[in-house]
Amino acid sequence: MRSEHERLAPIDILRHEHALVERVIAAMERETRTARERGRVNGAAVRQMIDFAQGFTDGCHHLKEERLLFARLRQRDASTEAPTRALEHEHESGRSFVRSLVEHLPAAQAEDARASRTVIDALTAYAELLRGHIAKEDAVLFPMAERLLEESDAEFLTHEFEQVEREETGAGVHEKYEALAHEISGEAFGEAESHAHAGDDRHPSDLAR
């Protein structure tokens, strides 16, 4: 097994993607605060957030985790079954919030008060879910993966991640959403990342809490 202090390339890829998602989460949080004050949502901003959620958070990042990382961890250690299933359940909860946004945003943009409240509540809940979800993965799942996975697993995951981006998300799509994350967050693309991610030795069952 690899040293706990060594970094697996595929785990670093997922950490970088978390940093992009966190930029958009911060924008969601700002939008919901502002929307509650003014009583209506910024439809254009929320549409960008929906696009990012569907195309990147779910269509790229969660796809890599569910189909590849989680499956590989289960092969290596049966104790990862429950926590990774719990994380998959959170992914599905997030999809439900996004579906609600898609359904109610048109009416909210037409200044339907009830639809606006539904959009604000769904966006608030989705941002809160993602923050907690990322915290669990950064603090528990990723350090656990670095302890359990072998060099061959890292090579396999790196290759498969690249294949997902080539064949499923499409060439240039990752770059598109990276730029969109910076645009949504109001920050210049290419700005140096300031996020620091540290792991700990909590038990995998902590992920299910």
N, C-alpha and C. Protein backbone atom coordinates (compact mmCIF):
# COMPACT_ATOMS: atom_id res chain seq x y z
N MET A 1 0.83 -1.20 0.00
CA MET A 1 0.00 0.00 0.00
C MET A 1 0.87 1.25 0.00
N ARG A 2 0.28 2.33 -0.46
CA ARG A 2 1.00 3.59 -0.50
C ARG A 2 1.02 4.24 0.87
N SER A 3 2.06 5.03 1.12
CA SER A 3 2.14 5.79 2.35
C SER A 3 0.97 6.75 2.44
N GLU A 4 0.46 6.97 3.65
CA GLU A 4 -0.66 7.88 3.85
C GLU A 4 -0.31 9.29 3.38
N HIS A 5 0.98 9.62 3.36
CA HIS A 5 1.38 10.98 3.01
C HIS A 5 1.61 11.16 1.52
N GLU A 6 1.59 10.07 0.77
CA GLU A 6 1.72 10.19 -0.66
C GLU A 6 0.36 10.54 -1.26
N ARG A 7 0.37 11.25 -2.36
CA ARG A 7 -0.87 11.68 -2.99
C ARG A 7 -1.11 10.88 -4.27
N LEU A 8 -2.28 10.26 -4.33
CA LEU A 8 -2.68 9.57 -5.55
C LEU A 8 -3.19 10.61 -6.53
N ALA A 9 -2.73 10.56 -7.76
CA ALA A 9 -3.15 11.55 -8.76
C ALA A 9 -4.67 11.63 -8.90
N PRO A 10 -5.40 10.51 -8.97
CA PRO A 10 -6.85 10.64 -9.15
C PRO A 10 -7.55 11.30 -7.97
N ILE A 11 -7.02 11.11 -6.76
CA ILE A 11 -7.62 11.76 -5.60
C ILE A 11 -7.37 13.26 -5.66
N ASP A 12 -6.21 13.65 -6.13
CA ASP A 12 -5.93 15.07 -6.30
C ASP A 12 -6.85 15.70 -7.35
N ILE A 13 -7.17 14.95 -8.39
CA ILE A 13 -8.10 15.43 -9.40
C ILE A 13 -9.45 15.73 -8.75
N LEU A 14 -9.92 14.80 -7.92
CA LEU A 14 -11.21 14.99 -7.26
C LEU A 14 -11.16 16.14 -6.26
N ARG A 15 -10.04 16.30 -5.58
CA ARG A 15 -9.90 17.44 -4.66
C ARG A 15 -9.98 18.76 -5.42
N HIS A 16 -9.32 18.82 -6.56
CA HIS A 16 -9.37 20.04 -7.38
C HIS A 16 -10.81 20.32 -7.81
N GLU A 17 -11.53 19.28 -8.19
CA GLU A 17 -12.92 19.45 -8.59
C GLU A 17 -13.77 19.93 -7.41
N HIS A 18 -13.48 19.44 -6.22
CA HIS A 18 -14.18 19.94 -5.03
C HIS A 18 -13.98 21.45 -4.87
N ALA A 19 -12.76 21.91 -5.10
CA ALA A 19 -12.48 23.34 -4.97
C ALA A 19 -13.32 24.16 -5.95
N LEU A 20 -13.52 23.64 -7.16
CA LEU A 20 -14.37 24.33 -8.13
C LEU A 20 -15.82 24.34 -7.67
N VAL A 21 -16.30 23.20 -7.17
CA VAL A 21 -17.68 23.13 -6.69
C VAL A 21 -17.88 24.09 -5.51
N GLU A 22 -16.87 24.19 -4.65
CA GLU A 22 -16.98 25.09 -3.50
C GLU A 22 -17.11 26.54 -3.92
N ARG A 23 -16.49 26.91 -5.03
CA ARG A 23 -16.67 28.27 -5.54
C ARG A 23 -18.15 28.53 -5.87
N VAL A 24 -18.76 27.55 -6.50
CA VAL A 24 -20.16 27.70 -6.90
C VAL A 24 -21.07 27.64 -5.67
N ILE A 25 -20.73 26.80 -4.70
CA ILE A 25 -21.51 26.76 -3.46
C ILE A 25 -21.54 28.14 -2.81
N ALA A 26 -20.39 28.79 -2.74
CA ALA A 26 -20.33 30.12 -2.13
C ALA A 26 -21.23 31.10 -2.88
N ALA A 27 -21.27 30.99 -4.21
CA ALA A 27 -22.14 31.85 -5.00
C ALA A 27 -23.61 31.52 -4.74
N MET A 28 -23.93 30.24 -4.58
CA MET A 28 -25.30 29.84 -4.23
C MET A 28 -25.72 30.46 -2.91
N GLU A 29 -24.83 30.40 -1.95
CA GLU A 29 -25.14 30.95 -0.63
C GLU A 29 -25.37 32.45 -0.69
N ARG A 30 -24.56 33.14 -1.48
CA ARG A 30 -24.76 34.59 -1.64
C ARG A 30 -26.08 34.88 -2.33
N GLU A 31 -26.38 34.09 -3.36
CA GLU A 31 -27.62 34.31 -4.11
C GLU A 31 -28.85 34.08 -3.23
N THR A 32 -28.83 33.05 -2.40
CA THR A 32 -30.02 32.78 -1.57
C THR A 32 -30.21 33.88 -0.53
N ARG A 33 -29.11 34.38 0.04
CA ARG A 33 -29.24 35.48 1.00
C ARG A 33 -29.83 36.71 0.33
N THR A 34 -29.31 37.04 -0.84
CA THR A 34 -29.79 38.22 -1.56
C THR A 34 -31.22 38.03 -2.02
N ALA A 35 -31.55 36.83 -2.50
CA ALA A 35 -32.90 36.56 -3.00
C ALA A 35 -33.93 36.67 -1.88
N ARG A 36 -33.58 36.22 -0.70
CA ARG A 36 -34.52 36.34 0.42
C ARG A 36 -34.77 37.81 0.76
N GLU A 37 -33.74 38.62 0.64
CA GLU A 37 -33.89 40.05 0.96
C GLU A 37 -34.76 40.77 -0.07
N ARG A 38 -34.57 40.42 -1.36
CA ARG A 38 -35.30 41.15 -2.39
C ARG A 38 -36.60 40.46 -2.80
N GLY A 39 -36.80 39.21 -2.33
CA GLY A 39 -38.04 38.50 -2.60
C GLY A 39 -38.14 37.88 -3.97
N ARG A 40 -37.05 37.80 -4.70
CA ARG A 40 -37.05 37.17 -6.02
C ARG A 40 -35.64 36.67 -6.33
N VAL A 41 -35.55 35.75 -7.28
CA VAL A 41 -34.27 35.16 -7.61
C VAL A 41 -33.69 35.80 -8.85
N ASN A 42 -32.38 35.71 -8.97
CA ASN A 42 -31.69 36.12 -10.18
C ASN A 42 -31.70 34.91 -11.12
N GLY A 43 -32.65 34.91 -12.05
CA GLY A 43 -32.85 33.74 -12.90
C GLY A 43 -31.63 33.36 -13.71
N ALA A 44 -30.93 34.35 -14.26
CA ALA A 44 -29.75 34.05 -15.07
C ALA A 44 -28.67 33.39 -14.24
N ALA A 45 -28.46 33.88 -13.02
CA ALA A 45 -27.44 33.30 -12.14
C ALA A 45 -27.80 31.88 -11.75
N VAL A 46 -29.08 31.66 -11.41
CA VAL A 46 -29.50 30.32 -11.00
C VAL A 46 -29.40 29.35 -12.17
N ARG A 47 -29.69 29.82 -13.38
CA ARG A 47 -29.55 28.94 -14.54
C ARG A 47 -28.09 28.50 -14.73
N GLN A 48 -27.17 29.40 -14.51
CA GLN A 48 -25.75 29.03 -14.58
C GLN A 48 -25.41 27.99 -13.52
N MET A 49 -25.95 28.16 -12.34
CA MET A 49 -25.69 27.20 -11.26
C MET A 49 -26.28 25.83 -11.59
N ILE A 50 -27.46 25.82 -12.18
CA ILE A 50 -28.07 24.55 -12.61
C ILE A 50 -27.20 23.89 -13.68
N ASP A 51 -26.75 24.67 -14.64
CA ASP A 51 -25.88 24.15 -15.71
C ASP A 51 -24.64 23.52 -15.09
N PHE A 52 -24.00 24.21 -14.15
CA PHE A 52 -22.80 23.68 -13.51
C PHE A 52 -23.12 22.41 -12.74
N ALA A 53 -24.23 22.41 -12.01
CA ALA A 53 -24.60 21.24 -11.21
C ALA A 53 -24.82 20.01 -12.09
N GLN A 54 -25.55 20.20 -13.19
CA GLN A 54 -25.86 19.08 -14.06
C GLN A 54 -24.66 18.64 -14.89
N GLY A 55 -23.93 19.62 -15.43
CA GLY A 55 -22.86 19.29 -16.35
C GLY A 55 -21.55 18.92 -15.70
N PHE A 56 -21.28 19.49 -14.52
CA PHE A 56 -20.00 19.23 -13.88
C PHE A 56 -20.13 18.46 -12.57
N THR A 57 -20.82 19.03 -11.59
CA THR A 57 -20.90 18.38 -10.28
C THR A 57 -21.43 16.96 -10.42
N ASP A 58 -22.53 16.81 -11.15
CA ASP A 58 -23.12 15.49 -11.30
C ASP A 58 -22.61 14.76 -12.53
N GLY A 59 -22.58 15.47 -13.67
CA GLY A 59 -22.25 14.82 -14.93
C GLY A 59 -20.79 14.44 -15.10
N CYS A 60 -19.91 15.02 -14.29
CA CYS A 60 -18.49 14.70 -14.39
C CYS A 60 -17.95 14.19 -13.05
N HIS A 61 -18.02 15.02 -12.02
CA HIS A 61 -17.40 14.68 -10.73
C HIS A 61 -18.06 13.47 -10.06
N HIS A 62 -19.36 13.52 -9.88
CA HIS A 62 -20.04 12.41 -9.21
C HIS A 62 -19.99 11.14 -10.05
N LEU A 63 -19.97 11.30 -11.35
CA LEU A 63 -19.84 10.13 -12.23
C LEU A 63 -18.53 9.40 -11.96
N LYS A 64 -17.45 10.15 -11.84
CA LYS A 64 -16.14 9.54 -11.55
C LYS A 64 -16.16 8.84 -10.19
N GLU A 65 -16.78 9.47 -9.22
CA GLU A 65 -16.81 8.87 -7.88
C GLU A 65 -17.64 7.60 -7.86
N GLU A 66 -18.87 7.67 -8.35
CA GLU A 66 -19.78 6.53 -8.24
C GLU A 66 -19.32 5.34 -9.08
N ARG A 67 -19.02 5.60 -10.32
CA ARG A 67 -18.71 4.50 -11.23
C ARG A 67 -17.31 3.93 -11.01
N LEU A 68 -16.37 4.79 -10.58
CA LEU A 68 -14.98 4.37 -10.55
C LEU A 68 -14.37 4.31 -9.16
N LEU A 69 -14.29 5.44 -8.45
CA LEU A 69 -13.62 5.44 -7.15
C LEU A 69 -14.34 4.56 -6.13
N PHE A 70 -15.64 4.76 -5.96
CA PHE A 70 -16.37 4.01 -4.95
C PHE A 70 -16.31 2.51 -5.25
N ALA A 71 -16.48 2.17 -6.52
CA ALA A 71 -16.44 0.76 -6.90
C ALA A 71 -15.08 0.14 -6.60
N ARG A 72 -14.01 0.89 -6.86
CA ARG A 72 -12.66 0.38 -6.60
C ARG A 72 -12.42 0.21 -5.10
N LEU A 73 -12.90 1.15 -4.32
CA LEU A 73 -12.74 1.03 -2.86
C LEU A 73 -13.46 -0.19 -2.32
N ARG A 74 -14.64 -0.48 -2.84
CA ARG A 74 -15.39 -1.66 -2.38
C ARG A 74 -14.65 -2.95 -2.72
N GLN A 75 -13.96 -2.94 -3.84
CA GLN A 75 -13.16 -4.11 -4.20
C GLN A 75 -12.01 -4.31 -3.23
N ARG A 76 -11.43 -3.21 -2.75
CA ARG A 76 -10.27 -3.28 -1.86
C ARG A 76 -10.62 -3.59 -0.42
N ASP A 77 -11.77 -3.08 0.04
CA ASP A 77 -12.09 -3.20 1.47
C ASP A 77 -13.61 -3.18 1.64
N ALA A 78 -14.16 -4.26 2.14
CA ALA A 78 -15.61 -4.37 2.30
C ALA A 78 -16.18 -3.34 3.25
N SER A 79 -15.35 -2.81 4.15
CA SER A 79 -15.86 -1.83 5.12
C SER A 79 -16.22 -0.50 4.46
N THR A 80 -15.82 -0.31 3.20
CA THR A 80 -16.15 0.93 2.50
C THR A 80 -17.53 0.87 1.85
N GLU A 81 -18.18 -0.28 1.88
CA GLU A 81 -19.49 -0.44 1.24
C GLU A 81 -20.52 0.54 1.81
N ALA A 82 -20.70 0.52 3.13
CA ALA A 82 -21.73 1.37 3.75
C ALA A 82 -21.46 2.86 3.55
N PRO A 83 -20.24 3.33 3.83
CA PRO A 83 -20.02 4.77 3.67
C PRO A 83 -20.14 5.26 2.23
N THR A 84 -19.69 4.46 1.27
CA THR A 84 -19.80 4.92 -0.12
C THR A 84 -21.26 4.88 -0.59
N ARG A 85 -22.03 3.92 -0.09
CA ARG A 85 -23.47 3.91 -0.42
C ARG A 85 -24.15 5.14 0.17
N ALA A 86 -23.75 5.54 1.38
CA ALA A 86 -24.32 6.74 2.01
C ALA A 86 -23.99 7.97 1.18
N LEU A 87 -22.77 8.04 0.65
CA LEU A 87 -22.39 9.17 -0.18
C LEU A 87 -23.17 9.17 -1.50
N GLU A 88 -23.42 8.00 -2.05
CA GLU A 88 -24.22 7.92 -3.26
C GLU A 88 -25.64 8.41 -3.00
N HIS A 89 -26.16 8.09 -1.82
CA HIS A 89 -27.50 8.57 -1.46
C HIS A 89 -27.52 10.09 -1.41
N GLU A 90 -26.45 10.70 -0.91
CA GLU A 90 -26.38 12.16 -0.89
C GLU A 90 -26.31 12.73 -2.30
N HIS A 91 -25.60 12.04 -3.19
CA HIS A 91 -25.59 12.47 -4.59
C HIS A 91 -27.01 12.50 -5.14
N GLU A 92 -27.79 11.46 -4.84
CA GLU A 92 -29.16 11.40 -5.34
C GLU A 92 -30.03 12.49 -4.73
N SER A 93 -29.81 12.79 -3.46
CA SER A 93 -30.54 13.89 -2.83
C SER A 93 -30.24 15.21 -3.54
N GLY A 94 -28.97 15.39 -3.90
CA GLY A 94 -28.59 16.59 -4.64
C GLY A 94 -29.30 16.68 -5.98
N ARG A 95 -29.42 15.55 -6.68
CA ARG A 95 -30.12 15.54 -7.97
C ARG A 95 -31.58 15.95 -7.79
N SER A 96 -32.17 15.53 -6.68
CA SER A 96 -33.56 15.90 -6.40
C SER A 96 -33.71 17.41 -6.24
N PHE A 97 -32.76 18.03 -5.54
CA PHE A 97 -32.81 19.49 -5.38
C PHE A 97 -32.66 20.18 -6.73
N VAL A 98 -31.77 19.67 -7.57
CA VAL A 98 -31.55 20.29 -8.88
C VAL A 98 -32.81 20.14 -9.74
N ARG A 99 -33.45 18.98 -9.68
CA ARG A 99 -34.71 18.80 -10.43
C ARG A 99 -35.76 19.82 -9.99
N SER A 100 -35.80 20.09 -8.70
CA SER A 100 -36.74 21.09 -8.18
C SER A 100 -36.42 22.47 -8.73
N LEU A 101 -35.13 22.80 -8.80
CA LEU A 101 -34.73 24.09 -9.36
C LEU A 101 -35.17 24.20 -10.82
N VAL A 102 -34.92 23.15 -11.59
CA VAL A 102 -35.29 23.16 -13.01
C VAL A 102 -36.80 23.33 -13.17
N GLU A 103 -37.56 22.64 -12.34
CA GLU A 103 -39.02 22.66 -12.45
C GLU A 103 -39.61 24.03 -12.10
N HIS A 104 -39.10 24.66 -11.05
CA HIS A 104 -39.74 25.86 -10.52
C HIS A 104 -39.11 27.18 -10.96
N LEU A 105 -37.93 27.14 -11.57
CA LEU A 105 -37.28 28.40 -11.94
C LEU A 105 -38.08 29.22 -12.95
N PRO A 106 -38.68 28.61 -14.00
CA PRO A 106 -39.43 29.45 -14.94
C PRO A 106 -40.52 30.28 -14.27
N ALA A 107 -41.28 29.66 -13.36
CA ALA A 107 -42.32 30.41 -12.66
C ALA A 107 -41.72 31.46 -11.74
N ALA A 108 -40.59 31.12 -11.12
CA ALA A 108 -39.93 32.10 -10.25
C ALA A 108 -39.49 33.31 -11.05
N GLN A 109 -38.99 33.08 -12.26
CA GLN A 109 -38.58 34.19 -13.11
C GLN A 109 -39.77 35.04 -13.56
N ALA A 110 -40.95 34.41 -13.57
CA ALA A 110 -42.18 35.16 -13.89
C ALA A 110 -42.77 35.83 -12.65
N GLU A 111 -41.96 35.85 -11.58
CA GLU A 111 -42.30 36.52 -10.32
C GLU A 111 -43.44 35.86 -9.58
N ASP A 112 -43.56 34.53 -9.72
CA ASP A 112 -44.47 33.76 -8.88
C ASP A 112 -43.83 33.62 -7.51
N ALA A 113 -44.47 34.15 -6.49
CA ALA A 113 -43.86 34.20 -5.15
C ALA A 113 -43.62 32.81 -4.58
N ARG A 114 -44.58 31.93 -4.77
CA ARG A 114 -44.42 30.58 -4.23
C ARG A 114 -43.27 29.85 -4.91
N ALA A 115 -43.18 29.97 -6.22
CA ALA A 115 -42.09 29.34 -6.96
C ALA A 115 -40.75 29.92 -6.55
N SER A 116 -40.71 31.22 -6.31
CA SER A 116 -39.47 31.86 -5.87
C SER A 116 -39.01 31.30 -4.54
N ARG A 117 -39.96 31.13 -3.62
CA ARG A 117 -39.60 30.55 -2.32
C ARG A 117 -39.09 29.12 -2.47
N THR A 118 -39.71 28.37 -3.37
CA THR A 118 -39.29 26.99 -3.61
C THR A 118 -37.87 26.94 -4.16
N VAL A 119 -37.58 27.82 -5.11
CA VAL A 119 -36.23 27.88 -5.69
C VAL A 119 -35.21 28.27 -4.63
N ILE A 120 -35.52 29.28 -3.84
CA ILE A 120 -34.59 29.73 -2.81
C ILE A 120 -34.35 28.61 -1.80
N ASP A 121 -35.41 27.93 -1.39
CA ASP A 121 -35.26 26.84 -0.42
C ASP A 121 -34.46 25.68 -0.99
N ALA A 122 -34.72 25.34 -2.26
CA ALA A 122 -34.00 24.23 -2.89
C ALA A 122 -32.53 24.57 -3.06
N LEU A 123 -32.25 25.81 -3.45
CA LEU A 123 -30.86 26.22 -3.64
C LEU A 123 -30.13 26.25 -2.30
N THR A 124 -30.81 26.71 -1.26
CA THR A 124 -30.22 26.72 0.08
C THR A 124 -29.89 25.31 0.54
N ALA A 125 -30.86 24.41 0.38
CA ALA A 125 -30.67 23.02 0.82
C ALA A 125 -29.57 22.33 0.01
N TYR A 126 -29.52 22.60 -1.29
CA TYR A 126 -28.50 21.98 -2.14
C TYR A 126 -27.11 22.44 -1.74
N ALA A 127 -26.96 23.74 -1.51
CA ALA A 127 -25.65 24.27 -1.10
C ALA A 127 -25.22 23.67 0.24
N GLU A 128 -26.16 23.57 1.17
CA GLU A 128 -25.84 23.00 2.48
C GLU A 128 -25.44 21.53 2.36
N LEU A 129 -26.19 20.80 1.54
CA LEU A 129 -25.87 19.38 1.31
C LEU A 129 -24.47 19.23 0.73
N LEU A 130 -24.15 20.02 -0.30
CA LEU A 130 -22.85 19.90 -0.94
C LEU A 130 -21.71 20.25 0.01
N ARG A 131 -21.89 21.26 0.84
CA ARG A 131 -20.83 21.64 1.78
C ARG A 131 -20.52 20.49 2.73
N GLY A 132 -21.55 19.91 3.30
CA GLY A 132 -21.33 18.79 4.21
C GLY A 132 -20.77 17.57 3.52
N HIS A 133 -21.24 17.33 2.32
CA HIS A 133 -20.80 16.17 1.54
C HIS A 133 -19.31 16.28 1.20
N ILE A 134 -18.89 17.43 0.73
CA ILE A 134 -17.49 17.65 0.40
C ILE A 134 -16.62 17.53 1.64
N ALA A 135 -17.09 18.06 2.76
CA ALA A 135 -16.32 17.97 4.00
C ALA A 135 -16.07 16.51 4.39
N LYS A 136 -17.09 15.67 4.26
CA LYS A 136 -16.93 14.25 4.57
C LYS A 136 -15.90 13.59 3.65
N GLU A 137 -16.01 13.88 2.37
CA GLU A 137 -15.10 13.24 1.42
C GLU A 137 -13.66 13.72 1.62
N ASP A 138 -13.49 15.02 1.83
CA ASP A 138 -12.14 15.56 2.00
C ASP A 138 -11.49 15.05 3.28
N ALA A 139 -12.27 15.00 4.35
CA ALA A 139 -11.69 14.66 5.65
C ALA A 139 -11.60 13.16 5.91
N VAL A 140 -12.48 12.38 5.30
CA VAL A 140 -12.54 10.95 5.62
C VAL A 140 -12.30 10.07 4.39
N LEU A 141 -13.12 10.24 3.35
CA LEU A 141 -13.05 9.32 2.21
C LEU A 141 -11.72 9.39 1.48
N PHE A 142 -11.26 10.59 1.15
CA PHE A 142 -10.04 10.69 0.35
C PHE A 142 -8.81 10.21 1.10
N PRO A 143 -8.62 10.58 2.38
CA PRO A 143 -7.49 9.99 3.11
C PRO A 143 -7.59 8.46 3.20
N MET A 144 -8.81 7.95 3.37
CA MET A 144 -9.00 6.51 3.41
C MET A 144 -8.60 5.88 2.08
N ALA A 145 -9.00 6.53 0.97
CA ALA A 145 -8.64 6.01 -0.34
C ALA A 145 -7.13 5.98 -0.53
N GLU A 146 -6.46 7.00 -0.04
CA GLU A 146 -5.00 7.05 -0.18
C GLU A 146 -4.32 5.96 0.63
N ARG A 147 -4.96 5.51 1.69
CA ARG A 147 -4.39 4.40 2.47
C ARG A 147 -4.68 3.04 1.82
N LEU A 148 -5.86 2.91 1.21
CA LEU A 148 -6.28 1.60 0.73
C LEU A 148 -5.84 1.28 -0.69
N LEU A 149 -5.79 2.28 -1.54
CA LEU A 149 -5.56 2.01 -2.96
C LEU A 149 -4.09 1.79 -3.28
N GLU A 150 -3.85 0.86 -4.20
CA GLU A 150 -2.50 0.54 -4.65
C GLU A 150 -2.13 1.42 -5.85
N GLU A 151 -0.86 1.35 -6.24
CA GLU A 151 -0.40 2.11 -7.40
C GLU A 151 -1.17 1.71 -8.65
N SER A 152 -1.48 0.43 -8.78
CA SER A 152 -2.24 -0.02 -9.95
C SER A 152 -3.63 0.58 -9.97
N ASP A 153 -4.23 0.78 -8.78
CA ASP A 153 -5.54 1.41 -8.70
C ASP A 153 -5.46 2.86 -9.17
N ALA A 154 -4.40 3.54 -8.74
CA ALA A 154 -4.22 4.94 -9.13
C ALA A 154 -4.09 5.06 -10.64
N GLU A 155 -3.32 4.16 -11.24
CA GLU A 155 -3.13 4.20 -12.69
C GLU A 155 -4.46 3.92 -13.40
N PHE A 156 -5.20 2.94 -12.89
CA PHE A 156 -6.50 2.60 -13.48
C PHE A 156 -7.46 3.78 -13.40
N LEU A 157 -7.56 4.39 -12.21
CA LEU A 157 -8.51 5.48 -12.02
C LEU A 157 -8.13 6.70 -12.87
N THR A 158 -6.84 7.02 -12.93
CA THR A 158 -6.41 8.15 -13.74
C THR A 158 -6.80 7.93 -15.20
N HIS A 159 -6.55 6.73 -15.70
CA HIS A 159 -6.90 6.40 -17.08
C HIS A 159 -8.41 6.49 -17.30
N GLU A 160 -9.18 5.93 -16.37
CA GLU A 160 -10.63 5.92 -16.53
C GLU A 160 -11.23 7.32 -16.38
N PHE A 161 -10.66 8.14 -15.50
CA PHE A 161 -11.12 9.53 -15.38
C PHE A 161 -10.95 10.25 -16.71
N GLU A 162 -9.79 10.04 -17.34
CA GLU A 162 -9.52 10.68 -18.63
C GLU A 162 -10.50 10.19 -19.68
N GLN A 163 -10.82 8.89 -19.63
CA GLN A 163 -11.75 8.33 -20.61
C GLN A 163 -13.15 8.90 -20.41
N VAL A 164 -13.57 9.08 -19.16
CA VAL A 164 -14.88 9.69 -18.89
C VAL A 164 -14.95 11.07 -19.53
N GLU A 165 -13.88 11.85 -19.38
CA GLU A 165 -13.90 13.20 -19.92
C GLU A 165 -13.84 13.21 -21.44
N ARG A 166 -13.15 12.25 -22.02
CA ARG A 166 -13.08 12.18 -23.49
C ARG A 166 -14.39 11.70 -24.09
N GLU A 167 -14.94 10.62 -23.52
CA GLU A 167 -16.03 9.91 -24.19
C GLU A 167 -17.42 10.28 -23.67
N GLU A 168 -17.52 10.80 -22.46
CA GLU A 168 -18.84 11.06 -21.91
C GLU A 168 -19.11 12.54 -21.68
N THR A 169 -18.23 13.22 -21.00
CA THR A 169 -18.46 14.65 -20.81
C THR A 169 -18.06 15.43 -22.06
N GLY A 170 -17.07 14.93 -22.81
CA GLY A 170 -16.68 15.56 -24.06
C GLY A 170 -15.44 16.42 -23.94
N ALA A 171 -14.70 16.52 -25.01
CA ALA A 171 -13.46 17.29 -25.04
C ALA A 171 -13.75 18.76 -24.75
N GLY A 172 -12.97 19.33 -23.86
CA GLY A 172 -13.10 20.74 -23.54
C GLY A 172 -14.18 21.09 -22.54
N VAL A 173 -15.00 20.11 -22.17
CA VAL A 173 -16.12 20.40 -21.27
C VAL A 173 -15.62 20.70 -19.86
N HIS A 174 -14.61 19.96 -19.39
CA HIS A 174 -14.06 20.22 -18.06
C HIS A 174 -13.56 21.66 -17.98
N GLU A 175 -12.84 22.09 -19.00
CA GLU A 175 -12.31 23.45 -19.03
C GLU A 175 -13.44 24.47 -19.06
N LYS A 176 -14.50 24.16 -19.80
CA LYS A 176 -15.67 25.04 -19.87
C LYS A 176 -16.24 25.27 -18.48
N TYR A 177 -16.41 24.18 -17.72
CA TYR A 177 -17.03 24.31 -16.41
C TYR A 177 -16.08 24.88 -15.37
N GLU A 178 -14.79 24.69 -15.58
CA GLU A 178 -13.83 25.34 -14.69
C GLU A 178 -13.93 26.86 -14.86
N ALA A 179 -14.03 27.30 -16.10
CA ALA A 179 -14.19 28.74 -16.36
C ALA A 179 -15.53 29.24 -15.82
N LEU A 180 -16.57 28.42 -15.97
CA LEU A 180 -17.89 28.82 -15.47
C LEU A 180 -17.89 28.96 -13.96
N ALA A 181 -17.20 28.06 -13.27
CA ALA A 181 -17.13 28.15 -11.81
C ALA A 181 -16.52 29.47 -11.38
N HIS A 182 -15.47 29.89 -12.07
CA HIS A 182 -14.85 31.18 -11.75
C HIS A 182 -15.78 32.34 -12.11
N GLU A 183 -16.49 32.20 -13.22
CA GLU A 183 -17.43 33.26 -13.61
C GLU A 183 -18.56 33.38 -12.59
N ILE A 184 -19.14 32.26 -12.22
CA ILE A 184 -20.24 32.28 -11.25
C ILE A 184 -19.80 32.87 -9.92
N SER A 185 -18.58 32.52 -9.51
CA SER A 185 -18.09 32.99 -8.22
C SER A 185 -17.58 34.41 -8.27
N GLY A 186 -17.55 35.00 -9.49
CA GLY A 186 -17.11 36.37 -9.63
C GLY A 186 -15.62 36.56 -9.52
N GLU A 187 -14.87 35.48 -9.76
CA GLU A 187 -13.42 35.52 -9.65
C GLU A 187 -12.79 35.29 -11.01
N ALA A 188 -11.65 35.87 -11.23
CA ALA A 188 -10.96 35.74 -12.50
C ALA A 188 -10.47 34.32 -12.70
N PHE A 189 -10.69 33.77 -13.89
CA PHE A 189 -10.21 32.43 -14.19
C PHE A 189 -8.69 32.40 -14.11
N GLY A 190 -8.17 31.33 -13.50
CA GLY A 190 -6.72 31.19 -13.39
C GLY A 190 -6.18 31.71 -12.08
N GLU A 191 -7.04 32.32 -11.25
CA GLU A 191 -6.58 32.80 -9.96
C GLU A 191 -6.08 31.63 -9.13
N ALA A 192 -5.03 31.82 -8.38
CA ALA A 192 -4.45 30.73 -7.59
C ALA A 192 -5.43 30.23 -6.57
N GLU A 193 -5.49 28.90 -6.45
CA GLU A 193 -6.38 28.29 -5.45
C GLU A 193 -5.83 28.52 -4.06
N SER A 194 -6.76 28.77 -3.13
CA SER A 194 -6.34 29.00 -1.74
C SER A 194 -6.91 27.97 -0.80
N HIS A 195 -7.52 26.91 -1.37
CA HIS A 195 -8.15 25.91 -0.54
C HIS A 195 -7.11 24.91 -0.04
N ALA A 196 -7.18 24.63 1.23
CA ALA A 196 -6.30 23.62 1.81
C ALA A 196 -7.16 22.48 2.31
N HIS A 197 -6.84 21.28 1.90
CA HIS A 197 -7.62 20.11 2.29
C HIS A 197 -6.76 19.19 3.14
N ALA A 198 -7.22 18.91 4.35
CA ALA A 198 -6.47 18.06 5.25
C ALA A 198 -7.33 16.88 5.67
N GLY A 199 -6.73 15.71 5.77
CA GLY A 199 -7.46 14.52 6.18
C GLY A 199 -7.24 14.21 7.64
N ASP A 200 -8.03 13.24 8.13
CA ASP A 200 -7.82 12.74 9.47
C ASP A 200 -8.02 11.24 9.48
N ASP A 201 -7.98 10.64 10.62
CA ASP A 201 -8.03 9.18 10.71
C ASP A 201 -9.36 8.68 11.23
N ARG A 202 -10.44 9.43 10.99
CA ARG A 202 -11.73 8.94 11.45
C ARG A 202 -12.10 7.65 10.74
N HIS A 203 -12.96 6.86 11.38
CA HIS A 203 -13.38 5.59 10.83
C HIS A 203 -14.29 5.83 9.63
N PRO A 204 -14.27 4.94 8.62
CA PRO A 204 -15.13 5.11 7.46
C PRO A 204 -16.61 5.26 7.80
N SER A 205 -17.04 4.66 8.93
CA SER A 205 -18.45 4.77 9.30
C SER A 205 -18.87 6.20 9.59
N ASP A 206 -17.89 7.10 9.85
CA ASP A 206 -18.21 8.50 10.09
C ASP A 206 -18.86 9.13 8.87
N LEU A 207 -18.59 8.59 7.69
CA LEU A 207 -19.14 9.14 6.48
C LEU A 207 -20.66 8.96 6.41
N ALA A 208 -21.14 7.94 7.06
CA ALA A 208 -22.57 7.63 7.00
C ALA A 208 -23.39 8.46 7.98
N ARG A 209 -22.73 9.31 8.77
CA ARG A 209 -23.45 10.08 9.78
C ARG A 209 -23.95 11.41 9.22
